[in-house]
Amino acid sequence: MLDEDSTKGVIVIESVNADHAQRANEAMSDLKELLGEFFGIKRDKSGILPKDVPSVDVD
């Protein structure tokens, strides 16, 4: 849960095929713009995890 004291967050968007992956990429791009526009948030790190690489270090 995020609140006014939050300083970090993770957003997960899943896709199951190439069509969904394209829409997920568009959603991530739109979300980045909206977070910056409305909340002044800059994305520090992002990544795409394929099924054979199930984790990423976000620290």
C-alpha atoms as a PDB file:
ATOM      1  CA  MET A   1       0.000   0.000   0.000  1.00  0.00           C
ATOM      2  CA  LEU A   2       1.271   3.440  -0.888  1.00  0.00           C
ATOM      3  CA  ASP A   3       0.483   6.538   1.135  1.00  0.00           C
ATOM      4  CA  GLU A   4       1.803  10.080   1.552  1.00  0.00           C
ATOM      5  CA  ASP A   5       4.861   8.789   3.453  1.00  0.00           C
ATOM      6  CA  SER A   6       5.830   6.202   0.800  1.00  0.00           C
ATOM      7  CA  THR A   7       9.172   6.710  -0.924  1.00  0.00           C
ATOM      8  CA  LYS A   8       9.358   3.517  -3.009  1.00  0.00           C
ATOM      9  CA  GLY A   9       6.907   1.361  -4.911  1.00  0.00           C
ATOM     10  CA  VAL A  10       6.717  -1.452  -7.411  1.00  0.00           C
ATOM     11  CA  ILE A  11       4.175  -1.722 -10.210  1.00  0.00           C
ATOM     12  CA  VAL A  12       3.697  -5.068 -11.958  1.00  0.00           C
ATOM     13  CA  ILE A  13       2.043  -5.459 -15.349  1.00  0.00           C
ATOM     14  CA  GLU A  14       1.785  -9.011 -16.690  1.00  0.00           C
ATOM     15  CA  SER A  15       1.367 -10.278 -20.230  1.00  0.00           C
ATOM     16  CA  VAL A  16       0.833 -13.771 -21.599  1.00  0.00           C
ATOM     17  CA  ASN A  17       1.588 -13.338 -25.284  1.00  0.00           C
ATOM     18  CA  ALA A  18       3.169 -10.942 -27.774  1.00  0.00           C
ATOM     19  CA  ASP A  19      -0.030  -8.920 -28.236  1.00  0.00           C
ATOM     20  CA  HIS A  20      -0.428  -8.470 -24.496  1.00  0.00           C
ATOM     21  CA  ALA A  21       3.274  -7.625 -24.184  1.00  0.00           C
ATOM     22  CA  GLN A  22       2.865  -4.781 -26.687  1.00  0.00           C
ATOM     23  CA  ARG A  23      -0.109  -3.402 -24.765  1.00  0.00           C
ATOM     24  CA  ALA A  24       1.772  -3.799 -21.474  1.00  0.00           C
ATOM     25  CA  ASN A  25       4.705  -1.795 -22.874  1.00  0.00           C
ATOM     26  CA  GLU A  26       2.315   0.950 -23.985  1.00  0.00           C
ATOM     27  CA  ALA A  27       0.672   0.953 -20.548  1.00  0.00           C
ATOM     28  CA  MET A  28       4.082   1.265 -18.835  1.00  0.00           C
ATOM     29  CA  SER A  29       4.989   4.202 -21.057  1.00  0.00           C
ATOM     30  CA  ASP A  30       1.657   5.931 -20.409  1.00  0.00           C
ATOM     31  CA  LEU A  31       1.923   5.298 -16.680  1.00  0.00           C
ATOM     32  CA  LYS A  32       5.428   6.788 -16.571  1.00  0.00           C
ATOM     33  CA  GLU A  33       4.146   9.989 -18.181  1.00  0.00           C
ATOM     34  CA  LEU A  34       1.090  10.216 -15.930  1.00  0.00           C
ATOM     35  CA  LEU A  35       3.074   9.632 -12.726  1.00  0.00           C
ATOM     36  CA  GLY A  36       5.413  12.438 -13.714  1.00  0.00           C
ATOM     37  CA  GLU A  37       2.640  14.786 -14.804  1.00  0.00           C
ATOM     38  CA  PHE A  38       0.295  14.351 -11.846  1.00  0.00           C
ATOM     39  CA  PHE A  39       2.613  13.398  -8.988  1.00  0.00           C
ATOM     40  CA  GLY A  40       6.075  14.611 -10.002  1.00  0.00           C
ATOM     41  CA  ILE A  41       7.392  11.044  -9.758  1.00  0.00           C
ATOM     42  CA  LYS A  42      10.391  10.006 -11.813  1.00  0.00           C
ATOM     43  CA  ARG A  43      10.856   6.331 -12.561  1.00  0.00           C
ATOM     44  CA  ASP A  44      14.265   5.232 -11.295  1.00  0.00           C
ATOM     45  CA  LYS A  45      14.390   1.739 -12.673  1.00  0.00           C
ATOM     46  CA  SER A  46      12.280  -0.516 -14.847  1.00  0.00           C
ATOM     47  CA  GLY A  47      12.682  -3.883 -16.399  1.00  0.00           C
ATOM     48  CA  ILE A  48      10.993  -6.637 -18.304  1.00  0.00           C
ATOM     49  CA  LEU A  49      11.243 -10.109 -16.852  1.00  0.00           C
ATOM     50  CA  PRO A  50      10.971 -12.959 -19.345  1.00  0.00           C
ATOM     51  CA  LYS A  51       9.723 -16.294 -18.016  1.00  0.00           C
ATOM     52  CA  ASP A  52      13.275 -17.708 -17.830  1.00  0.00           C
ATOM     53  CA  VAL A  53      14.504 -14.762 -15.666  1.00  0.00           C
ATOM     54  CA  PRO A  54      11.919 -14.524 -12.857  1.00  0.00           C
ATOM     55  CA  SER A  55      13.507 -11.799 -10.712  1.00  0.00           C
ATOM     56  CA  VAL A  56      15.329  -8.482 -10.772  1.00  0.00           C
ATOM     57  CA  ASP A  57      17.165  -6.441  -8.122  1.00  0.00           C
ATOM     58  CA  VAL A  58      15.391  -3.114  -7.671  1.00  0.00           C
ATOM     59  CA  ASP A  59      17.573  -1.680  -4.897  1.00  0.00           C
END
